[in-house]
């Protein structure tokens, strides 16, 4: 049995060097006893002989995991890490196996350490202390973490409070920052740290951010565990503020105005009237200009631009899709992305000439959810479709088409008032509110989302719907 006693300071570096040496000596995990600090260890354990550290390549994910787990309070943490390292030597891709019990256990420990570090950065409260002859103001704080996190968390405080000298004391270790230098030292008994003027500042801040109408005690205790309360000056206010929250919320509701102020009412009336006034409908160019200033729903706030319809003024066929996609939002033109390209291919086979049709969308702004650098399409809701129907109605009045091809549920809802059972209704000719015939079909993006094996049959049905549109116009 080999005994490895790790120091209380620079523990990770010491564990890493010891693990390299053990691997170089081909010592299996079951023959190693790990300890931290000045403990007695195992009386029967033999010391670790000096060995030559061999170069070792491990996945980056393991190094990041170990840098967190070594600060956990579990006495088996070093052994668990070494056992995983031993296994990685034989199975290099083991870190990719999220179902492995060893990795799951260590990942859980890493998350606990990460949460504890976050709590420390949030709940350390410095008090100013007098130090005769000091060139800079000096502060001190006492904190009781759940794990050995002072060493990895101390750099946060050197960056945040680099303009002052300070000390943080914990039951396991202490950190001292003086003159720009950080020093870690063994633990000392809890020092006497008196109150200062910042105590009242914390209490004032907490009173101002406390919302009595949204008190959720369990959620508050999850974010601010009670174990930290005795070190937080503002925590002494919590019992009283919880006890009076209901009465304060009721008083706030009673004090709120029951009707909008006159100025707000006037603004509301002007907005309502503005929404009722239609832009000039005799000129498509003017309609396009007015569309760019649309503020009828919130979608304009994140979109690049409104995307107007395009096509000849005398088009007999109006094609209505759902909304612009990412490509359309950037280009300012409808149906230029993958769905538009799919439509063009199928329309060509069906004998439908897109250049002779007017192409537009039920909703004129791109609705999306950001995901990294990508913008993921989101379907417009009923309110957004109804608000944008105002623009579609004007396009219909300008164009007076003989037939409207409605592609997708949003287009069906905007033109017929009903988005339900689209697959059952597809290929059917219904009527818009003004009596214009509306041929319902799916949106081309639906075809793109289908598995490759199902796409040919779905494209054939879509092509048949487009052929119906061609036949309708020929007979009209």
Protein backbone atom coordinates (compact mmCIF):
# COMPACT_ATOMS: atom_id res chain seq x y z
CA UNK A 1 0.00 0.00 0.00
CA UNK A 2 1.40 3.39 -1.03
CA UNK A 3 0.54 6.48 1.02
CA UNK A 4 0.28 9.88 -0.69
CA UNK A 5 -0.13 12.84 1.71
CA UNK A 6 -1.14 15.95 -0.19
CA UNK A 7 -0.59 19.49 1.15
CA UNK A 8 -3.47 21.79 2.09
CA UNK A 9 -2.13 24.46 -0.29
CA UNK A 10 -1.52 23.77 -4.01
CA UNK A 11 -3.43 20.52 -3.58
CA UNK A 12 -4.30 20.07 -7.25
CA UNK A 13 -0.71 20.47 -8.46
CA UNK A 14 0.48 18.01 -5.83
CA UNK A 15 -2.20 15.46 -6.73
CA UNK A 16 -1.39 15.75 -10.43
CA UNK A 17 2.32 15.15 -9.88
CA UNK A 18 1.63 12.23 -7.54
CA UNK A 19 -0.82 10.68 -10.01
CA UNK A 20 1.74 10.95 -12.81
CA UNK A 21 4.34 9.25 -10.66
CA UNK A 22 1.98 6.46 -9.66
CA UNK A 23 1.02 5.82 -13.26
CA UNK A 24 4.68 5.81 -14.23
CA UNK A 25 5.31 3.19 -11.57
CA UNK A 26 2.24 1.24 -12.77
CA UNK A 27 0.65 1.36 -9.29
CA UNK A 28 -3.05 0.33 -9.46
CA UNK A 29 -5.67 2.43 -7.64
CA UNK A 30 -6.40 -0.19 -4.97
CA UNK A 31 -2.79 0.05 -3.73
CA UNK A 32 -2.85 3.80 -3.03
CA UNK A 33 -3.98 5.55 0.14
CA UNK A 34 -4.61 9.28 -0.28
CA UNK A 35 -4.83 11.95 2.41
CA UNK A 36 -4.72 15.75 2.63
CA UNK A 37 -3.15 17.85 5.33
CA UNK A 38 -1.16 16.89 8.40
CA UNK A 39 -3.03 13.70 9.25
CA UNK A 40 -1.58 10.50 10.63
CA UNK A 41 -2.53 8.47 7.56
CA UNK A 42 -2.19 4.68 7.65
CA UNK A 43 0.42 3.27 10.03
CA UNK A 44 0.91 0.28 7.74
CA UNK A 45 1.23 2.23 4.49
CA UNK A 46 4.63 2.41 2.83
CA UNK A 47 5.76 5.83 1.58
CA UNK A 48 5.63 6.54 -2.10
CA UNK A 49 9.13 5.98 -3.51
CA UNK A 50 10.50 8.60 -5.88
CA UNK A 51 9.61 7.74 -9.47
CA UNK A 52 10.23 9.34 -12.81
CA UNK A 53 7.12 11.15 -14.03
CA UNK A 54 6.31 9.91 -17.53
CA UNK A 55 4.63 12.14 -20.12
CA UNK A 56 0.89 11.55 -19.96
CA UNK A 57 -1.81 12.66 -22.36
CA UNK A 58 -5.38 12.80 -21.03
CA UNK A 59 -8.57 14.42 -22.35
CA UNK A 60 -8.99 18.09 -21.53
CA UNK A 61 -12.33 17.24 -19.96
CA UNK A 62 -10.62 15.12 -17.32
CA UNK A 63 -8.22 17.91 -16.38
CA UNK A 64 -11.10 20.39 -16.00
CA UNK A 65 -13.03 17.82 -13.95
CA UNK A 66 -10.07 17.14 -11.66
CA UNK A 67 -9.43 20.86 -11.11
CA UNK A 68 -12.87 21.07 -9.49
CA UNK A 69 -13.17 17.70 -7.74
CA UNK A 70 -9.90 17.97 -5.76
CA UNK A 71 -11.54 20.75 -3.68
CA UNK A 72 -14.52 18.59 -2.70
CA UNK A 73 -14.80 17.51 0.92
CA UNK A 74 -15.38 13.84 0.09
CA UNK A 75 -12.34 11.94 1.51
CA UNK A 76 -12.50 9.55 -1.46
CA UNK A 77 -12.15 12.28 -4.10
CA UNK A 78 -8.44 11.70 -4.82
CA UNK A 79 -8.91 7.95 -5.07
CA UNK A 80 -11.91 8.33 -7.38
CA UNK A 81 -9.97 10.66 -9.67
CA UNK A 82 -6.97 8.35 -9.78
CA UNK A 83 -9.20 5.35 -10.53
CA UNK A 84 -10.71 7.21 -13.48
CA UNK A 85 -7.27 8.29 -14.67
CA UNK A 86 -6.13 4.66 -14.47
CA UNK A 87 -9.13 3.61 -16.58
CA UNK A 88 -8.52 6.38 -19.15
CA UNK A 89 -5.09 4.96 -19.86
CA UNK A 90 -6.79 1.85 -21.25
CA UNK A 91 -10.00 3.50 -22.56
CA UNK A 92 -9.09 7.00 -23.81
CA UNK A 93 -12.66 7.80 -24.94
CA UNK A 94 -14.19 6.94 -21.59
CA UNK A 95 -14.87 10.64 -20.81
CA UNK A 96 -17.44 10.65 -23.62
CA UNK A 97 -19.52 7.98 -21.87
CA UNK A 98 -22.06 10.00 -19.88
CA UNK A 99 -23.61 6.79 -18.61
CA UNK A 100 -20.46 5.72 -16.77
CA UNK A 101 -21.12 5.70 -13.01
CA UNK A 102 -17.62 6.96 -12.16
CA UNK A 103 -17.91 9.98 -14.43
CA UNK A 104 -21.46 10.71 -13.24
CA UNK A 105 -20.32 10.67 -9.60
CA UNK A 106 -17.31 12.92 -10.22
CA UNK A 107 -19.35 15.31 -12.40
CA UNK A 108 -21.85 15.66 -9.56
CA UNK A 109 -19.03 16.48 -7.15
CA UNK A 110 -17.64 19.07 -9.58
CA UNK A 111 -21.05 20.76 -9.77
CA UNK A 112 -21.26 20.90 -5.98
CA UNK A 113 -17.85 22.58 -5.83
CA UNK A 114 -18.86 25.03 -8.56
CA UNK A 115 -22.04 25.97 -6.68
CA UNK A 116 -20.06 26.43 -3.49
CA UNK A 117 -17.60 28.74 -5.25
CA UNK A 118 -20.53 30.78 -6.56
CA UNK A 119 -21.98 31.06 -3.05
CA UNK A 120 -18.65 32.28 -1.74
CA UNK A 121 -18.37 35.06 -4.32
CA UNK A 122 -21.94 36.10 -3.49
CA UNK A 123 -21.93 35.90 0.30
CA UNK A 124 -18.51 37.01 1.51
CA UNK A 125 -19.02 40.25 3.44
CA UNK A 126 -15.89 42.33 4.09
CA UNK A 127 -15.66 44.58 7.15
CA UNK A 128 -13.10 47.34 7.39
CA UNK A 129 -10.51 46.89 10.13
CA UNK A 130 -8.10 49.42 11.60
CA UNK A 131 -4.43 48.86 10.91
CA UNK A 132 -2.15 51.65 12.20
CA UNK A 133 0.37 52.90 9.65
CA UNK A 134 -1.19 51.06 6.70
CA UNK A 135 -0.99 52.74 3.30
CA UNK A 136 -4.22 51.18 2.09
CA UNK A 137 -7.53 50.44 3.69
CA UNK A 138 -7.73 46.89 5.02
CA UNK A 139 -10.74 44.58 5.19
CA UNK A 140 -11.42 41.13 6.55
CA UNK A 141 -14.17 38.53 6.20
CA UNK A 142 -15.11 35.17 7.71
CA UNK A 143 -16.74 32.51 5.53
CA UNK A 144 -17.69 28.87 6.09
CA UNK A 145 -17.75 27.01 2.75
CA UNK A 146 -19.01 23.48 2.32
CA UNK A 147 -15.84 22.43 0.50
CA UNK A 148 -12.15 23.42 0.35
CA UNK A 149 -12.73 26.22 -2.16
CA UNK A 150 -10.79 29.19 -0.78
CA UNK A 151 -7.70 28.53 -2.90
CA UNK A 152 -9.47 28.27 -6.30
CA UNK A 153 -11.85 31.15 -5.47
CA UNK A 154 -9.32 33.64 -4.07
CA UNK A 155 -8.26 34.92 -7.54
CA UNK A 156 -11.83 36.20 -8.03
CA UNK A 157 -11.40 38.52 -5.05
CA UNK A 158 -7.95 39.70 -6.18
CA UNK A 159 -9.51 40.92 -9.42
CA UNK A 160 -12.66 42.34 -7.85
CA UNK A 161 -10.97 44.01 -4.86
CA UNK A 162 -7.45 44.61 -6.16
CA UNK A 163 -7.42 48.19 -4.88
CA UNK A 164 -7.53 47.24 -1.22
CA UNK A 165 -5.85 44.87 1.20
CA UNK A 166 -7.98 42.09 2.62
CA UNK A 167 -8.03 38.75 4.38
CA UNK A 168 -10.57 35.94 4.10
CA UNK A 169 -10.64 33.43 6.94
CA UNK A 170 -12.29 30.01 6.72
CA UNK A 171 -12.23 26.99 9.06
CA UNK A 172 -9.80 25.25 6.66
CA UNK A 173 -7.50 27.94 5.24
CA UNK A 174 -6.96 31.69 5.08
CA UNK A 175 -6.10 34.02 2.21
CA UNK A 176 -4.31 37.36 2.55
CA UNK A 177 -4.02 40.00 -0.17
CA UNK A 178 -1.62 42.82 0.60
CA UNK A 179 0.09 45.26 -1.72
CA UNK A 180 -1.05 43.31 -4.76
CA UNK A 181 0.29 39.94 -3.58
CA UNK A 182 -1.90 36.97 -2.63
CA UNK A 183 -0.74 34.60 0.08
CA UNK A 184 -2.47 31.46 1.35
CA UNK A 185 -1.90 30.38 4.93
CA UNK A 186 -3.15 27.71 7.36
CA UNK A 187 -6.43 28.22 9.17
CA UNK A 188 -6.61 30.23 12.37
CA UNK A 189 -9.37 30.47 15.00
CA UNK A 190 -12.16 32.76 13.91
CA UNK A 191 -10.93 36.33 14.49
CA UNK A 192 -13.01 39.08 16.00
CA UNK A 193 -14.19 41.23 13.09
CA UNK A 194 -16.35 44.14 14.19
CA UNK A 195 -19.16 45.89 12.34
CA UNK A 196 -18.53 48.87 10.07
CA UNK A 197 -20.51 51.36 7.97
CA UNK A 198 -21.05 48.88 5.15
CA UNK A 199 -23.43 46.88 7.36
CA UNK A 200 -26.14 49.51 6.95
CA UNK A 201 -25.47 49.74 3.22
CA UNK A 202 -26.15 46.02 2.81
CA UNK A 203 -29.35 46.31 4.83
CA UNK A 204 -30.55 49.29 2.78
CA UNK A 205 -29.77 47.52 -0.49
CA UNK A 206 -31.60 44.37 0.59
CA UNK A 207 -34.69 46.30 1.70
CA UNK A 208 -34.87 47.99 -1.69
CA UNK A 209 -34.59 44.82 -3.78
CA UNK A 210 -36.99 42.79 -1.61
CA UNK A 211 -40.34 42.50 -3.40
CA UNK A 212 -43.07 41.58 -0.90
CA UNK A 213 -45.46 40.60 -3.71
CA UNK A 214 -43.13 37.86 -4.96
CA UNK A 215 -41.96 36.14 -1.80
CA UNK A 216 -40.98 32.51 -2.40
CA UNK A 217 -39.30 31.30 0.76
CA UNK A 218 -38.03 27.99 -0.62
CA UNK A 219 -36.55 29.65 -3.69
CA UNK A 220 -34.91 32.32 -1.55
CA UNK A 221 -33.37 29.74 0.78
CA UNK A 222 -32.12 27.74 -2.20
CA UNK A 223 -30.25 30.81 -3.45
CA UNK A 224 -29.31 32.12 0.01
CA UNK A 225 -28.99 29.03 2.28
CA UNK A 226 -29.62 29.64 5.96
CA UNK A 227 -26.12 28.37 6.86
CA UNK A 228 -24.76 31.70 5.55
CA UNK A 229 -27.24 33.97 7.29
CA UNK A 230 -25.29 34.50 10.49
CA UNK A 231 -22.48 36.14 8.47
CA UNK A 232 -24.77 38.38 6.38
CA UNK A 233 -25.80 41.71 7.90
CA UNK A 234 -28.91 41.87 5.73
CA UNK A 235 -30.09 38.41 6.81
CA UNK A 236 -31.30 39.74 10.16
CA UNK A 237 -34.03 41.58 8.22
CA UNK A 238 -35.42 38.45 6.56
CA UNK A 239 -37.79 37.17 9.31
CA UNK A 240 -39.43 40.57 9.75
CA UNK A 241 -39.71 41.20 5.99
CA UNK A 242 -41.28 37.79 5.37
CA UNK A 243 -43.74 38.27 8.25
CA UNK A 244 -44.90 41.64 6.88
CA UNK A 245 -44.74 40.75 3.15
CA UNK A 246 -48.47 40.05 2.77
CA UNK A 247 -49.51 43.30 4.43
CA UNK A 248 -46.98 45.32 2.39
CA UNK A 249 -48.12 43.73 -0.87
CA UNK A 250 -51.75 44.51 -0.03
CA UNK A 251 -50.85 48.11 0.77
CA UNK A 252 -48.99 48.44 -2.55
CA UNK A 253 -52.04 47.14 -4.43
CA UNK A 254 -54.36 49.54 -2.63
CA UNK A 255 -52.06 52.46 -3.37
CA UNK A 256 -51.84 51.67 -7.07
CA UNK A 257 -53.92 53.89 -9.40
CA UNK A 258 -57.19 52.29 -10.49
CA UNK A 259 -57.29 54.08 -13.88
CA UNK A 260 -54.47 55.13 -16.22
CA UNK A 261 -53.22 58.69 -15.85
CA UNK A 262 -54.65 61.17 -18.35
CA UNK A 263 -51.38 61.34 -20.28
CA UNK A 264 -51.24 57.53 -20.62
CA UNK A 265 -54.87 57.47 -21.76
CA UNK A 266 -54.15 60.06 -24.47
CA UNK A 267 -51.19 58.10 -25.75
CA UNK A 268 -53.24 54.89 -25.80
CA UNK A 269 -55.97 56.59 -27.81
CA UNK A 270 -53.45 57.90 -30.36
CA UNK A 271 -51.91 54.44 -30.78
CA UNK A 272 -55.33 52.88 -31.24
CA UNK A 273 -56.28 55.43 -33.88
CA UNK A 274 -52.96 54.97 -35.65
CA UNK A 275 -53.62 51.27 -35.94
CA UNK A 276 -57.01 51.89 -37.51
CA UNK A 277 -55.67 54.18 -40.22
CA UNK A 278 -54.67 52.21 -43.31
CA UNK A 279 -51.71 53.32 -45.41
CA UNK A 280 -52.42 54.28 -49.01
CA UNK A 281 -53.44 51.12 -50.87
CA UNK A 282 -53.13 52.42 -54.41
CA UNK A 283 -49.35 52.23 -54.43
CA UNK A 284 -47.35 49.10 -53.56
CA UNK A 285 -44.15 51.10 -53.13
CA UNK A 286 -45.84 53.22 -50.46
CA UNK A 287 -47.14 50.09 -48.80
CA UNK A 288 -43.60 48.69 -48.63
CA UNK A 289 -42.32 51.90 -47.04
CA UNK A 290 -45.10 51.86 -44.45
CA UNK A 291 -44.41 48.17 -43.72
CA UNK A 292 -40.83 48.92 -42.65
CA UNK A 293 -42.19 51.12 -39.86
CA UNK A 294 -44.63 48.49 -38.58
CA UNK A 295 -44.82 48.24 -34.79
CA UNK A 296 -48.10 46.33 -34.49
CA UNK A 297 -46.48 43.42 -32.61
CA UNK A 298 -43.09 42.94 -30.85
CA UNK A 299 -41.51 40.87 -33.65
CA UNK A 300 -39.98 43.98 -35.24
CA UNK A 301 -37.68 44.48 -32.25
CA UNK A 302 -35.33 41.56 -33.07
CA UNK A 303 -35.84 41.14 -36.82
CA UNK A 304 -33.45 42.75 -39.30
CA UNK A 305 -36.28 44.16 -41.41
CA UNK A 306 -39.85 43.57 -42.52
CA UNK A 307 -40.02 41.41 -45.65
CA UNK A 308 -42.63 42.64 -48.18
CA UNK A 309 -44.17 40.55 -50.94
CA UNK A 310 -42.82 40.59 -54.47
CA UNK A 311 -44.21 39.82 -57.91
CA UNK A 312 -46.10 41.48 -60.78
CA UNK A 313 -48.95 43.88 -59.99
CA UNK A 314 -51.31 41.93 -62.23
CA UNK A 315 -50.47 38.49 -60.82
CA UNK A 316 -53.50 36.19 -60.83
CA UNK A 317 -51.95 33.93 -58.19
CA UNK A 318 -50.96 35.07 -54.71
CA UNK A 319 -48.72 32.65 -52.77
CA UNK A 320 -48.77 33.13 -48.98
CA UNK A 321 -46.24 31.42 -46.72
CA UNK A 322 -45.82 31.53 -42.95
CA UNK A 323 -43.10 34.09 -42.19
CA UNK A 324 -39.60 35.07 -43.36
CA UNK A 325 -36.78 32.74 -42.36
CA UNK A 326 -33.17 33.57 -41.57
CA UNK A 327 -32.18 34.04 -45.23
CA UNK A 328 -35.27 36.12 -46.03
CA UNK A 329 -34.75 38.32 -42.97
CA UNK A 330 -31.24 39.20 -44.13
CA UNK A 331 -32.05 39.55 -47.83
CA UNK A 332 -35.38 41.39 -47.41
CA UNK A 333 -37.03 39.12 -50.01
CA UNK A 334 -39.52 36.26 -49.52
CA UNK A 335 -38.76 32.58 -50.23
CA UNK A 336 -35.02 32.82 -50.99
CA UNK A 337 -33.87 30.30 -48.38
CA UNK A 338 -33.95 26.48 -48.38
CA UNK A 339 -37.78 26.36 -48.23
CA UNK A 340 -38.03 28.76 -51.18
CA UNK A 341 -35.58 26.67 -53.18
CA UNK A 342 -37.59 23.55 -52.42
CA UNK A 343 -40.76 25.35 -53.59
CA UNK A 344 -39.09 26.45 -56.84
CA UNK A 345 -38.03 22.88 -57.67
CA UNK A 346 -41.46 21.35 -57.07
CA UNK A 347 -43.29 24.27 -58.71
CA UNK A 348 -41.22 23.83 -61.88
CA UNK A 349 -42.27 20.19 -62.11
CA UNK A 350 -45.92 21.17 -61.52
CA UNK A 351 -45.84 23.77 -64.30
CA UNK A 352 -46.25 26.74 -61.93
CA UNK A 353 -44.16 29.76 -62.94
CA UNK A 354 -43.20 31.61 -59.77
CA UNK A 355 -42.20 34.72 -61.73
CA UNK A 356 -45.85 35.19 -62.68
CA UNK A 357 -47.09 34.92 -59.06
CA UNK A 358 -47.07 37.37 -56.17
CA UNK A 359 -45.21 35.79 -53.23
CA UNK A 360 -45.61 37.02 -49.64
CA UNK A 361 -46.01 35.79 -46.04
CA UNK A 362 -48.74 35.86 -43.44
CA UNK A 363 -46.27 37.41 -40.95
CA UNK A 364 -43.75 39.96 -42.21
CA UNK A 365 -41.02 39.77 -39.53
CA UNK A 366 -38.75 36.83 -38.69
CA UNK A 367 -39.53 35.21 -35.32
CA UNK A 368 -36.64 33.24 -33.87
CA UNK A 369 -34.83 32.09 -30.74
CA UNK A 370 -31.04 32.74 -30.58
CA UNK A 371 -28.92 29.63 -30.03
CA UNK A 372 -25.24 30.51 -30.09
CA UNK A 373 -24.55 32.10 -33.46
CA UNK A 374 -27.65 30.53 -35.01
CA UNK A 375 -31.22 31.87 -35.10
CA UNK A 376 -33.74 29.06 -34.68
CA UNK A 377 -37.12 29.59 -36.39
CA UNK A 378 -40.17 29.82 -34.13
CA UNK A 379 -43.77 29.62 -35.34
CA UNK A 380 -45.77 32.85 -34.95
CA UNK A 381 -48.58 32.74 -32.42
CA UNK A 382 -52.23 33.60 -33.00
CA UNK A 383 -51.85 37.22 -31.88
CA UNK A 384 -48.91 37.85 -34.20
CA UNK A 385 -50.78 36.31 -37.15
CA UNK A 386 -53.85 38.44 -36.44
CA UNK A 387 -51.86 41.68 -36.11
CA UNK A 388 -50.03 41.04 -39.40
CA UNK A 389 -53.22 40.08 -41.21
CA UNK A 390 -53.82 43.83 -41.52
CA UNK A 391 -50.92 44.02 -44.02
CA UNK A 392 -51.95 40.89 -45.90
CA UNK A 393 -55.45 42.30 -46.35
CA UNK A 394 -53.99 45.41 -48.01
CA UNK A 395 -51.86 43.27 -50.32
CA UNK A 396 -54.98 41.34 -51.36
CA UNK A 397 -56.90 44.57 -52.05
CA UNK A 398 -54.05 45.85 -54.20
CA UNK A 399 -53.58 42.63 -56.13
CA UNK A 400 -57.12 41.22 -56.41
CA UNK A 401 -55.83 37.71 -57.21
CA UNK A 402 -57.96 35.02 -58.84
CA UNK A 403 -56.55 32.43 -56.41
CA UNK A 404 -54.51 32.43 -53.22
CA UNK A 405 -52.23 29.48 -52.46
CA UNK A 406 -51.98 29.27 -48.65
CA UNK A 407 -48.92 27.25 -47.55
CA UNK A 408 -48.86 26.22 -43.90
CA UNK A 409 -51.04 26.62 -40.83
CA UNK A 410 -50.28 30.32 -40.24
CA UNK A 411 -51.27 31.21 -43.80
CA UNK A 412 -54.46 29.14 -43.47
CA UNK A 413 -55.35 30.92 -40.22
CA UNK A 414 -54.68 34.38 -41.64
CA UNK A 415 -56.78 33.78 -44.76
CA UNK A 416 -59.58 31.51 -43.51
CA UNK A 417 -59.52 32.13 -39.75
CA UNK A 418 -58.80 28.45 -39.00
CA UNK A 419 -55.44 26.67 -38.75
CA UNK A 420 -56.75 23.29 -37.59
CA UNK A 421 -56.62 19.96 -39.48
CA UNK A 422 -54.40 21.28 -42.25
CA UNK A 423 -53.40 17.79 -43.42
CA UNK A 424 -57.05 16.87 -43.84
CA UNK A 425 -57.93 20.13 -45.60
CA UNK A 426 -54.91 20.30 -47.93
CA UNK A 427 -55.72 20.32 -51.63
CA UNK A 428 -59.12 21.84 -50.86
CA UNK A 429 -60.29 25.23 -52.13
CA UNK A 430 -61.87 27.37 -49.40
CA UNK A 431 -62.71 31.08 -49.37
CA UNK A 432 -61.22 34.11 -47.66
CA UNK A 433 -63.38 36.68 -45.87
CA UNK A 434 -63.78 38.71 -49.07
CA UNK A 435 -64.69 35.62 -51.10
CA UNK A 436 -61.31 35.07 -52.77
CA UNK A 437 -60.68 31.33 -53.40
CA UNK A 438 -57.93 29.90 -51.15
CA UNK A 439 -56.19 26.62 -51.99
CA UNK A 440 -54.64 25.08 -48.86
CA UNK A 441 -51.40 23.07 -48.79
CA UNK A 442 -48.38 22.44 -46.57
CA UNK A 443 -45.39 24.74 -46.26
CA UNK A 444 -42.19 23.64 -48.10
CA UNK A 445 -40.28 23.72 -44.81
CA UNK A 446 -42.49 20.81 -43.70
CA UNK A 447 -40.97 18.74 -46.50
CA UNK A 448 -37.45 19.67 -45.43
CA UNK A 449 -38.08 18.45 -41.90
CA UNK A 450 -39.22 14.98 -43.02
CA UNK A 451 -36.89 11.95 -42.92
CA UNK A 452 -35.28 11.26 -46.30
CA UNK A 453 -37.31 8.07 -46.78
CA UNK A 454 -40.64 9.94 -46.42
CA UNK A 455 -39.77 13.00 -48.49
CA UNK A 456 -40.43 11.69 -52.06
CA UNK A 457 -44.04 10.74 -51.28
CA UNK A 458 -44.66 14.06 -49.49
CA UNK A 459 -43.15 16.01 -52.41
CA UNK A 460 -45.45 14.19 -54.81
CA UNK A 461 -48.51 15.28 -52.79
CA UNK A 462 -47.21 18.85 -52.64
CA UNK A 463 -46.65 18.80 -56.41
CA UNK A 464 -50.24 17.59 -56.90
CA UNK A 465 -51.51 20.56 -54.83
CA UNK A 466 -49.54 22.98 -57.01
CA UNK A 467 -50.93 21.31 -60.14
CA UNK A 468 -54.43 21.97 -58.77
CA UNK A 469 -53.54 25.66 -58.50
CA UNK A 470 -52.36 25.67 -62.14
CA UNK A 471 -55.54 23.91 -63.27
CA UNK A 472 -57.76 26.30 -61.27
CA UNK A 473 -56.19 29.35 -62.90
CA UNK A 474 -56.47 27.80 -66.35
CA UNK A 475 -60.18 27.20 -65.85
CA UNK A 476 -60.92 30.57 -64.21
